[in-house]
PDB file of N, CA and C in Angstrom:
ATOM      1  N   MET A   1       0.838  -1.166   0.012  1.00  0.00           N
ATOM      2  CA  MET A   1       0.003  -0.013   0.000  1.00  0.00           C
ATOM      3  C   MET A   1       0.889   1.244   0.000  1.00  0.00           C
ATOM      4  N   SER A   2       0.364   2.329  -0.577  1.00  0.00           N
ATOM      5  CA  SER A   2       1.171   3.542  -0.672  1.00  0.00           C
ATOM      6  C   SER A   2       1.290   4.232   0.668  1.00  0.00           C
ATOM      7  N   ARG A   3       2.150   5.228   0.723  1.00  0.00           N
ATOM      8  CA  ARG A   3       2.386   5.976   1.953  1.00  0.00           C
ATOM      9  C   ARG A   3       1.210   6.889   2.306  1.00  0.00           C
ATOM     10  N   HIS A   4       0.382   7.203   1.335  1.00  0.00           N
ATOM     11  CA  HIS A   4      -0.759   8.080   1.561  1.00  0.00           C
ATOM     12  C   HIS A   4      -1.997   7.286   1.923  1.00  0.00           C
ATOM     13  N   MET A   5      -2.943   7.967   2.514  1.00  0.00           N
ATOM     14  CA  MET A   5      -4.201   7.315   2.889  1.00  0.00           C
ATOM     15  C   MET A   5      -4.901   6.842   1.601  1.00  0.00           C
ATOM     16  N   ALA A   6      -5.251   5.569   1.566  1.00  0.00           N
ATOM     17  CA  ALA A   6      -5.924   5.023   0.399  1.00  0.00           C
ATOM     18  C   ALA A   6      -7.415   5.342   0.436  1.00  0.00           C
ATOM     19  N   GLU A   7      -7.967   5.574  -0.728  1.00  0.00           N
ATOM     20  CA  GLU A   7      -9.388   5.890  -0.836  1.00  0.00           C
ATOM     21  C   GLU A   7     -10.082   4.717  -1.528  1.00  0.00           C
ATOM     22  N   ARG A   8     -11.217   4.323  -1.027  1.00  0.00           N
ATOM     23  CA  ARG A   8     -11.964   3.227  -1.642  1.00  0.00           C
ATOM     24  C   ARG A   8     -12.813   3.791  -2.761  1.00  0.00           C
ATOM     25  N   THR A   9     -12.961   3.013  -3.814  1.00  0.00           N
ATOM     26  CA  THR A   9     -13.821   3.387  -4.926  1.00  0.00           C
ATOM     27  C   THR A   9     -14.357   2.112  -5.570  1.00  0.00           C
ATOM     28  N   THR A  10     -15.384   2.273  -6.369  1.00  0.00           N
ATOM     29  CA  THR A  10     -15.955   1.125  -7.098  1.00  0.00           C
ATOM     30  C   THR A  10     -15.760   1.392  -8.573  1.00  0.00           C
ATOM     31  N   VAL A  11     -15.294   0.393  -9.270  1.00  0.00           N
ATOM     32  CA  VAL A  11     -15.163   0.482 -10.725  1.00  0.00           C
ATOM     33  C   VAL A  11     -15.847  -0.708 -11.359  1.00  0.00           C
ATOM     34  N   ARG A  12     -16.319  -0.528 -12.562  1.00  0.00           N
ATOM     35  CA  ARG A  12     -16.936  -1.630 -13.301  1.00  0.00           C
ATOM     36  C   ARG A  12     -15.981  -2.030 -14.404  1.00  0.00           C
ATOM     37  N   LEU A  13     -15.630  -3.330 -14.430  1.00  0.00           N
ATOM     38  CA  LEU A  13     -14.710  -3.851 -15.418  1.00  0.00           C
ATOM     39  C   LEU A  13     -15.345  -5.011 -16.149  1.00  0.00           C
ATOM     40  N   PRO A  14     -14.997  -5.210 -17.429  1.00  0.00           N
ATOM     41  CA  PRO A  14     -15.492  -6.400 -18.121  1.00  0.00           C
ATOM     42  C   PRO A  14     -15.001  -7.663 -17.380  1.00  0.00           C
ATOM     43  N   GLU A  15     -15.870  -8.655 -17.307  1.00  0.00           N
ATOM     44  CA  GLU A  15     -15.556  -9.877 -16.545  1.00  0.00           C
ATOM     45  C   GLU A  15     -14.228 -10.507 -16.959  1.00  0.00           C
ATOM     46  N   GLU A  16     -14.020 -10.642 -18.261  1.00  0.00           N
ATOM     47  CA  GLU A  16     -12.799 -11.295 -18.754  1.00  0.00           C
ATOM     48  C   GLU A  16     -11.562 -10.511 -18.349  1.00  0.00           C
ATOM     49  N   LEU A  17     -11.624  -9.194 -18.427  1.00  0.00           N
ATOM     50  CA  LEU A  17     -10.478  -8.351 -18.009  1.00  0.00           C
ATOM     51  C   LEU A  17     -10.193  -8.550 -16.524  1.00  0.00           C
ATOM     52  N   LEU A  18     -11.232  -8.559 -15.732  1.00  0.00           N
ATOM     53  CA  LEU A  18     -11.055  -8.727 -14.293  1.00  0.00           C
ATOM     54  C   LEU A  18     -10.450 -10.107 -13.987  1.00  0.00           C
ATOM     55  N   ARG A  19     -10.940 -11.160 -14.657  1.00  0.00           N
ATOM     56  CA  ARG A  19     -10.368 -12.495 -14.445  1.00  0.00           C
ATOM     57  C   ARG A  19      -8.877 -12.544 -14.802  1.00  0.00           C
ATOM     58  N   ARG A  20      -8.555 -11.925 -15.932  1.00  0.00           N
ATOM     59  CA  ARG A  20      -7.131 -11.902 -16.355  1.00  0.00           C
ATOM     60  C   ARG A  20      -6.267 -11.126 -15.388  1.00  0.00           C
ATOM     61  N   ALA A  21      -6.799  -9.992 -14.908  1.00  0.00           N
ATOM     62  CA  ALA A  21      -6.029  -9.185 -13.949  1.00  0.00           C
ATOM     63  C   ALA A  21      -5.807  -9.934 -12.645  1.00  0.00           C
ATOM     64  N   LYS A  22      -6.851 -10.641 -12.177  1.00  0.00           N
ATOM     65  CA  LYS A  22      -6.709 -11.413 -10.929  1.00  0.00           C
ATOM     66  C   LYS A  22      -5.683 -12.522 -11.095  1.00  0.00           C
ATOM     67  N   ARG A  23      -5.707 -13.182 -12.262  1.00  0.00           N
ATOM     68  CA  ARG A  23      -4.716 -14.243 -12.507  1.00  0.00           C
ATOM     69  C   ARG A  23      -3.303 -13.664 -12.541  1.00  0.00           C
ATOM     70  N   LYS A  24      -3.126 -12.535 -13.187  1.00  0.00           N
ATOM     71  CA  LYS A  24      -1.797 -11.911 -13.288  1.00  0.00           C
ATOM     72  C   LYS A  24      -1.331 -11.508 -11.896  1.00  0.00           C
ATOM     73  N   ALA A  25      -2.196 -10.883 -11.102  1.00  0.00           N
ATOM     74  CA  ALA A  25      -1.828 -10.468  -9.744  1.00  0.00           C
ATOM     75  C   ALA A  25      -1.399 -11.686  -8.912  1.00  0.00           C
ATOM     76  N   ALA A  26      -2.170 -12.747  -8.997  1.00  0.00           N
ATOM     77  CA  ALA A  26      -1.868 -13.981  -8.233  1.00  0.00           C
ATOM     78  C   ALA A  26      -0.537 -14.556  -8.702  1.00  0.00           C
ATOM     79  N   ALA A  27      -0.321 -14.599 -10.012  1.00  0.00           N
ATOM     80  CA  ALA A  27       0.916 -15.158 -10.552  1.00  0.00           C
ATOM     81  C   ALA A  27       2.124 -14.362 -10.103  1.00  0.00           C
ATOM     82  N   GLU A  28       1.946 -13.073  -9.871  1.00  0.00           N
ATOM     83  CA  GLU A  28       3.044 -12.207  -9.433  1.00  0.00           C
ATOM     84  C   GLU A  28       3.110 -12.089  -7.916  1.00  0.00           C
ATOM     85  N   GLY A  29       2.205 -12.768  -7.216  1.00  0.00           N
ATOM     86  CA  GLY A  29       2.188 -12.726  -5.744  1.00  0.00           C
ATOM     87  C   GLY A  29       1.843 -11.348  -5.197  1.00  0.00           C
ATOM     88  N   ARG A  30       0.930 -10.659  -5.811  1.00  0.00           N
ATOM     89  CA  ARG A  30       0.555  -9.327  -5.361  1.00  0.00           C
ATOM     90  C   ARG A  30      -0.954  -9.190  -5.358  1.00  0.00           C
ATOM     91  N   THR A  31      -1.441  -8.100  -4.839  1.00  0.00           N
ATOM     92  CA  THR A  31      -2.888  -7.886  -4.783  1.00  0.00           C
ATOM     93  C   THR A  31      -3.383  -7.287  -6.086  1.00  0.00           C
ATOM     94  N   LEU A  32      -4.664  -7.480  -6.327  1.00  0.00           N
ATOM     95  CA  LEU A  32      -5.286  -6.860  -7.500  1.00  0.00           C
ATOM     96  C   LEU A  32      -5.191  -5.349  -7.383  1.00  0.00           C
ATOM     97  N   THR A  33      -5.343  -4.802  -6.183  1.00  0.00           N
ATOM     98  CA  THR A  33      -5.237  -3.371  -5.968  1.00  0.00           C
ATOM     99  C   THR A  33      -3.884  -2.830  -6.397  1.00  0.00           C
ATOM    100  N   SER A  34      -2.796  -3.539  -6.038  1.00  0.00           N
ATOM    101  CA  SER A  34      -1.478  -3.034  -6.407  1.00  0.00           C
ATOM    102  C   SER A  34      -1.257  -3.114  -7.910  1.00  0.00           C
ATOM    103  N   LEU A  35      -1.826  -4.137  -8.577  1.00  0.00           N
ATOM    104  CA  LEU A  35      -1.708  -4.246 -10.017  1.00  0.00           C
ATOM    105  C   LEU A  35      -2.438  -3.083 -10.699  1.00  0.00           C
ATOM    106  N   ILE A  36      -3.651  -2.815 -10.255  1.00  0.00           N
ATOM    107  CA  ILE A  36      -4.427  -1.707 -10.819  1.00  0.00           C
ATOM    108  C   ILE A  36      -3.731  -0.368 -10.549  1.00  0.00           C
ATOM    109  N   GLU A  37      -3.229  -0.194  -9.345  1.00  0.00           N
ATOM    110  CA  GLU A  37      -2.539   1.045  -8.981  1.00  0.00           C
ATOM    111  C   GLU A  37      -1.329   1.286  -9.886  1.00  0.00           C
ATOM    112  N   ASP A  38      -0.524   0.241 -10.123  1.00  0.00           N
ATOM    113  CA  ASP A  38       0.646   0.408 -11.005  1.00  0.00           C
ATOM    114  C   ASP A  38       0.214   0.739 -12.430  1.00  0.00           C
ATOM    115  N   GLY A  39      -0.856   0.082 -12.904  1.00  0.00           N
ATOM    116  CA  GLY A  39      -1.348   0.371 -14.242  1.00  0.00           C
ATOM    117  C   GLY A  39      -1.828   1.795 -14.382  1.00  0.00           C
ATOM    118  N   LEU A  40      -2.548   2.266 -13.397  1.00  0.00           N
ATOM    119  CA  LEU A  40      -3.028   3.660 -13.454  1.00  0.00           C
ATOM    120  C   LEU A  40      -1.877   4.657 -13.370  1.00  0.00           C
ATOM    121  N   ARG A  41      -0.888   4.353 -12.548  1.00  0.00           N
ATOM    122  CA  ARG A  41       0.281   5.259 -12.464  1.00  0.00           C
ATOM    123  C   ARG A  41       0.959   5.384 -13.833  1.00  0.00           C
ATOM    124  N   LEU A  42       1.058   4.289 -14.551  1.00  0.00           N
ATOM    125  CA  LEU A  42       1.682   4.322 -15.865  1.00  0.00           C
ATOM    126  C   LEU A  42       0.855   5.196 -16.832  1.00  0.00           C
ATOM    127  N   LEU A  43      -0.454   5.098 -16.739  1.00  0.00           N
ATOM    128  CA  LEU A  43      -1.327   5.841 -17.648  1.00  0.00           C
ATOM    129  C   LEU A  43      -1.404   7.322 -17.355  1.00  0.00           C
ATOM    130  N   VAL A  44      -1.297   7.706 -16.092  1.00  0.00           N
ATOM    131  CA  VAL A  44      -1.486   9.129 -15.765  1.00  0.00           C
ATOM    132  C   VAL A  44      -0.190   9.913 -15.591  1.00  0.00           C
ATOM    133  N   ARG A  45       0.922   9.224 -15.664  1.00  0.00           N
ATOM    134  CA  ARG A  45       2.180   9.974 -15.503  1.00  0.00           C
ATOM    135  C   ARG A  45       2.339  10.927 -16.686  1.00  0.00           C
ATOM    136  N   GLU A  46       3.029  12.031 -16.395  1.00  0.00           N
ATOM    137  CA  GLU A  46       3.206  13.061 -17.424  1.00  0.00           C
ATOM    138  C   GLU A  46       4.183  12.568 -18.477  1.00  0.00           C
ATOM    139  N   LYS A  47       3.867  12.884 -19.711  1.00  0.00           N
ATOM    140  CA  LYS A  47       4.719  12.529 -20.831  1.00  0.00           C
ATOM    141  C   LYS A  47       5.579  13.736 -21.159  1.00  0.00           C
ATOM    142  N   PRO A  48       6.768  13.515 -21.757  1.00  0.00           N
ATOM    143  CA  PRO A  48       7.601  14.639 -22.165  1.00  0.00           C
ATOM    144  C   PRO A  48       6.842  15.513 -23.150  1.00  0.00           C
ATOM    145  N   LYS A  49       6.949  16.829 -23.028  1.00  0.00           N
ATOM    146  CA  LYS A  49       6.205  17.724 -23.886  1.00  0.00           C
ATOM    147  C   LYS A  49       6.567  17.587 -25.349  1.00  0.00           C
ATOM    148  N   ALA A  50       7.804  17.232 -25.651  1.00  0.00           N
ATOM    149  CA  ALA A  50       8.230  17.081 -27.050  1.00  0.00           C
ATOM    150  C   ALA A  50       7.562  15.880 -27.701  1.00  0.00           C
ATOM    151  N   ALA A  51       6.950  14.994 -26.921  1.00  0.00           N
ATOM    152  CA  ALA A  51       6.322  13.813 -27.489  1.00  0.00           C
ATOM    153  C   ALA A  51       4.923  14.109 -28.015  1.00  0.00           C
ATOM    154  N   LYS A  52       4.436  15.364 -27.850  1.00  0.00           N
ATOM    155  CA  LYS A  52       3.109  15.697 -28.370  1.00  0.00           C
ATOM    156  C   LYS A  52       3.083  15.542 -29.877  1.00  0.00           C
ATOM    157  N   ARG A  53       1.983  14.995 -30.345  1.00  0.00           N
ATOM    158  CA  ARG A  53       1.815  14.841 -31.785  1.00  0.00           C
ATOM    159  C   ARG A  53       1.143  16.068 -32.359  1.00  0.00           C
ATOM    160  N   GLY A  54       1.625  16.482 -33.485  1.00  0.00           N
ATOM    161  CA  GLY A  54       0.996  17.597 -34.180  1.00  0.00           C
ATOM    162  C   GLY A  54      -0.031  17.083 -35.147  1.00  0.00           C
ATOM    163  N   ARG A  55      -0.575  18.005 -35.910  1.00  0.00           N
ATOM    164  CA  ARG A  55      -1.522  17.624 -36.916  1.00  0.00           C
ATOM    165  C   ARG A  55      -0.856  16.858 -38.026  1.00  0.00           C
ATOM    166  N   ILE A  56      -1.606  16.024 -38.698  1.00  0.00           N
ATOM    167  CA  ILE A  56      -1.081  15.325 -39.871  1.00  0.00           C
ATOM    168  C   ILE A  56      -1.157  16.296 -41.028  1.00  0.00           C
ATOM    169  N   VAL A  57      -0.026  16.553 -41.668  1.00  0.00           N
ATOM    170  CA  VAL A  57       0.033  17.441 -42.824  1.00  0.00           C
ATOM    171  C   VAL A  57       0.283  16.564 -44.040  1.00  0.00           C
ATOM    172  N   LEU A  58      -0.709  16.560 -44.917  1.00  0.00           N
ATOM    173  CA  LEU A  58      -0.575  15.744 -46.104  1.00  0.00           C
ATOM    174  C   LEU A  58       0.398  16.382 -47.082  1.00  0.00           C
ATOM    175  N   PRO A  59       1.208  15.568 -47.764  1.00  0.00           N
ATOM    176  CA  PRO A  59       2.160  16.093 -48.744  1.00  0.00           C
ATOM    177  C   PRO A  59       1.415  16.573 -49.987  1.00  0.00           C
ATOM    178  N   VAL A  60       1.374  17.884 -50.212  1.00  0.00           N
ATOM    179  CA  VAL A  60       0.651  18.471 -51.328  1.00  0.00           C
ATOM    180  C   VAL A  60       1.644  19.078 -52.305  1.00  0.00           C
ATOM    181  N   SER A  61       1.396  18.805 -53.573  1.00  0.00           N
ATOM    182  CA  SER A  61       2.243  19.348 -54.625  1.00  0.00           C
ATOM    183  C   SER A  61       1.932  20.814 -54.836  1.00  0.00           C
ATOM    184  N   SER A  62       2.954  21.671 -54.845  1.00  0.00           N
ATOM    185  CA  SER A  62       2.724  23.078 -55.112  1.00  0.00           C
ATOM    186  C   SER A  62       2.412  23.323 -56.573  1.00  0.00           C
ATOM    187  N   ALA A  63       2.811  22.410 -57.437  1.00  0.00           N
ATOM    188  CA  ALA A  63       2.581  22.555 -58.851  1.00  0.00           C
ATOM    189  C   ALA A  63       1.123  22.261 -59.227  1.00  0.00           C
ATOM    190  N   THR A  64       0.548  21.196 -58.642  1.00  0.00           N
ATOM    191  CA  THR A  64      -0.806  20.788 -59.036  1.00  0.00           C
ATOM    192  C   THR A  64      -1.842  21.044 -57.956  1.00  0.00           C
ATOM    193  N   GLY A  65      -1.431  21.231 -56.719  1.00  0.00           N
ATOM    194  CA  GLY A  65      -2.380  21.413 -55.622  1.00  0.00           C
ATOM    195  C   GLY A  65      -2.937  20.078 -55.128  1.00  0.00           C
ATOM    196  N   GLY A  66      -2.544  18.990 -55.767  1.00  0.00           N
ATOM    197  CA  GLY A  66      -2.996  17.661 -55.349  1.00  0.00           C
ATOM    198  C   GLY A  66      -1.916  16.967 -54.567  1.00  0.00           C
ATOM    199  N   PRO A  67      -2.131  15.688 -54.281  1.00  0.00           N
ATOM    200  CA  PRO A  67      -1.104  14.927 -53.527  1.00  0.00           C
ATOM    201  C   PRO A  67       0.220  14.842 -54.258  1.00  0.00           C
ATOM    202  N   MET A  68       1.291  14.778 -53.502  1.00  0.00           N
ATOM    203  CA  MET A  68       2.619  14.627 -54.101  1.00  0.00           C
ATOM    204  C   MET A  68       2.668  13.275 -54.845  1.00  0.00           C
ATOM    205  N   PRO A  69       3.514  13.184 -55.859  1.00  0.00           N
ATOM    206  CA  PRO A  69       3.666  11.912 -56.551  1.00  0.00           C
ATOM    207  C   PRO A  69       4.005  10.793 -55.577  1.00  0.00           C
ATOM    208  N   GLY A  70       3.334   9.658 -55.737  1.00  0.00           N
ATOM    209  CA  GLY A  70       3.529   8.528 -54.856  1.00  0.00           C
ATOM    210  C   GLY A  70       2.508   8.459 -53.732  1.00  0.00           C
ATOM    211  N   PHE A  71       1.768   9.569 -53.495  1.00  0.00           N
ATOM    212  CA  PHE A  71       0.760   9.607 -52.430  1.00  0.00           C
ATOM    213  C   PHE A  71      -0.663   9.626 -52.997  1.00  0.00           C
ATOM    214  N   GLU A  72      -0.799   9.794 -54.309  1.00  0.00           N
ATOM    215  CA  GLU A  72      -2.133   9.991 -54.878  1.00  0.00           C
ATOM    216  C   GLU A  72      -3.064   8.794 -54.737  1.00  0.00           C
ATOM    217  N   ASN A  73      -2.539   7.578 -54.644  1.00  0.00           N
ATOM    218  CA  ASN A  73      -3.398   6.407 -54.558  1.00  0.00           C
ATOM    219  C   ASN A  73      -3.503   5.815 -53.144  1.00  0.00           C
ATOM    220  N   LEU A  74      -2.908   6.487 -52.167  1.00  0.00           N
ATOM    221  CA  LEU A  74      -2.933   5.981 -50.782  1.00  0.00           C
ATOM    222  C   LEU A  74      -4.257   6.301 -50.120  1.00  0.00           C
ATOM    223  N   LYS A  75      -4.736   5.361 -49.314  1.00  0.00           N
ATOM    224  CA  LYS A  75      -5.912   5.614 -48.464  1.00  0.00           C
ATOM    225  C   LYS A  75      -5.449   6.468 -47.285  1.00  0.00           C
ATOM    226  N   PHE A  76      -6.396   7.155 -46.642  1.00  0.00           N
ATOM    227  CA  PHE A  76      -6.048   7.981 -45.506  1.00  0.00           C
ATOM    228  C   PHE A  76      -5.402   7.148 -44.396  1.00  0.00           C
ATOM    229  N   SER A  77      -5.903   5.913 -44.172  1.00  0.00           N
ATOM    230  CA  SER A  77      -5.316   5.050 -43.128  1.00  0.00           C
ATOM    231  C   SER A  77      -3.862   4.721 -43.437  1.00  0.00           C
ATOM    232  N   GLU A  78      -3.515   4.581 -44.716  1.00  0.00           N
ATOM    233  CA  GLU A  78      -2.133   4.314 -45.101  1.00  0.00           C
ATOM    234  C   GLU A  78      -1.243   5.524 -44.853  1.00  0.00           C
ATOM    235  N   ILE A  79      -1.799   6.727 -45.103  1.00  0.00           N
ATOM    236  CA  ILE A  79      -1.033   7.948 -44.810  1.00  0.00           C
ATOM    237  C   ILE A  79      -0.825   8.104 -43.310  1.00  0.00           C
ATOM    238  N   GLN A  80      -1.856   7.780 -42.516  1.00  0.00           N
ATOM    239  CA  GLN A  80      -1.719   7.827 -41.061  1.00  0.00           C
ATOM    240  C   GLN A  80      -0.632   6.868 -40.593  1.00  0.00           C
ATOM    241  N   GLU A  81      -0.588   5.671 -41.191  1.00  0.00           N
ATOM    242  CA  GLU A  81       0.425   4.695 -40.811  1.00  0.00           C
ATOM    243  C   GLU A  81       1.821   5.215 -41.116  1.00  0.00           C
ATOM    244  N   LEU A  82       1.990   5.845 -42.289  1.00  0.00           N
ATOM    245  CA  LEU A  82       3.299   6.439 -42.614  1.00  0.00           C
ATOM    246  C   LEU A  82       3.663   7.510 -41.613  1.00  0.00           C
ATOM    247  N   ASP A  83       2.683   8.328 -41.215  1.00  0.00           N
ATOM    248  CA  ASP A  83       2.926   9.371 -40.252  1.00  0.00           C
ATOM    249  C   ASP A  83       3.315   8.758 -38.896  1.00  0.00           C
ATOM    250  N   ASP A  84       2.645   7.679 -38.512  1.00  0.00           N
ATOM    251  CA  ASP A  84       2.980   6.990 -37.250  1.00  0.00           C
ATOM    252  C   ASP A  84       4.403   6.452 -37.280  1.00  0.00           C
ATOM    253  N   LEU A  85       4.791   5.878 -38.419  1.00  0.00           N
ATOM    254  CA  LEU A  85       6.152   5.350 -38.537  1.00  0.00           C
ATOM    255  C   LEU A  85       7.188   6.462 -38.419  1.00  0.00           C
ATOM    256  N   GLU A  86       6.888   7.598 -39.050  1.00  0.00           N
ATOM    257  CA  GLU A  86       7.811   8.762 -38.962  1.00  0.00           C
ATOM    258  C   GLU A  86       7.905   9.237 -37.524  1.00  0.00           C
ATOM    259  N   TYR A  87       6.760   9.263 -36.798  1.00  0.00           N
ATOM    260  CA  TYR A  87       6.729   9.697 -35.405  1.00  0.00           C
ATOM    261  C   TYR A  87       7.570   8.753 -34.543  1.00  0.00           C
ATOM    262  N   VAL A  88       7.444   7.452 -34.754  1.00  0.00           N
ATOM    263  CA  VAL A  88       8.226   6.472 -33.999  1.00  0.00           C
ATOM    264  C   VAL A  88       9.713   6.701 -34.223  1.00  0.00           C
ATOM    265  N   GLU A  89      10.096   6.951 -35.460  1.00  0.00           N
ATOM    266  CA  GLU A  89      11.506   7.214 -35.753  1.00  0.00           C
ATOM    267  C   GLU A  89      12.004   8.462 -35.027  1.00  0.00           C
ATOM    268  N   ARG A  90      11.174   9.524 -35.012  1.00  0.00           N
ATOM    269  CA  ARG A  90      11.578  10.750 -34.297  1.00  0.00           C
ATOM    270  C   ARG A  90      11.739  10.491 -32.824  1.00  0.00           C
ATOM    271  N   MET A  91      10.871   9.695 -32.228  1.00  0.00           N
ATOM    272  CA  MET A  91      10.913   9.406 -30.790  1.00  0.00           C
ATOM    273  C   MET A  91      12.120   8.544 -30.448  1.00  0.00           C
ATOM    274  N   LYS A  92      12.618   7.730 -31.364  1.00  0.00           N
ATOM    275  CA  LYS A  92      13.801   6.929 -31.111  1.00  0.00           C
ATOM    276  C   LYS A  92      15.007   7.804 -30.843  1.00  0.00           C
ATOM    277  N   HIS A  93      15.002   8.997 -31.437  1.00  0.00           N
ATOM    278  CA  HIS A  93      16.144   9.909 -31.299  1.00  0.00           C
ATOM    279  C   HIS A  93      15.864  11.035 -30.272  1.00  0.00           C
ATOM    280  N   PHE A  94      14.718  11.010 -29.636  1.00  0.00           N
ATOM    281  CA  PHE A  94      14.336  12.030 -28.645  1.00  0.00           C
ATOM    282  C   PHE A  94      15.158  11.835 -27.381  1.00  0.00           C
ATOM    283  N   LYS A  95      15.691  12.935 -26.871  1.00  0.00           N
ATOM    284  CA  LYS A  95      16.431  12.915 -25.610  1.00  0.00           C
ATOM    285  C   LYS A  95      15.772  13.928 -24.680  1.00  0.00           C
ATOM    286  N   PRO A  96      15.150  13.421 -23.573  1.00  0.00           N
ATOM    287  CA  PRO A  96      14.479  14.353 -22.649  1.00  0.00           C
ATOM    288  C   PRO A  96      15.428  15.247 -21.912  1.00  0.00           C
TER     289      PRO A  96
END
């Protein structure tokens, strides 16, 4: 338990998720509460400001006003995937 006074609360979880969480906690020799607490701490911790994602800017040709060559037949989801890959590469070189 943490050093601060713990507060009780009720949460609703899907049955399968709860079963899996209980099994994981038991396998690790810890309480379900400590497993949930660690998971929440990971989710709410502050991220480095440089890791913020900007808007997706589509590559537009200044000559035609349309997509740059090589991008004209891509679906939006494929362009998003390319943007995600570029973001991952930038984060690999990020130094906080």
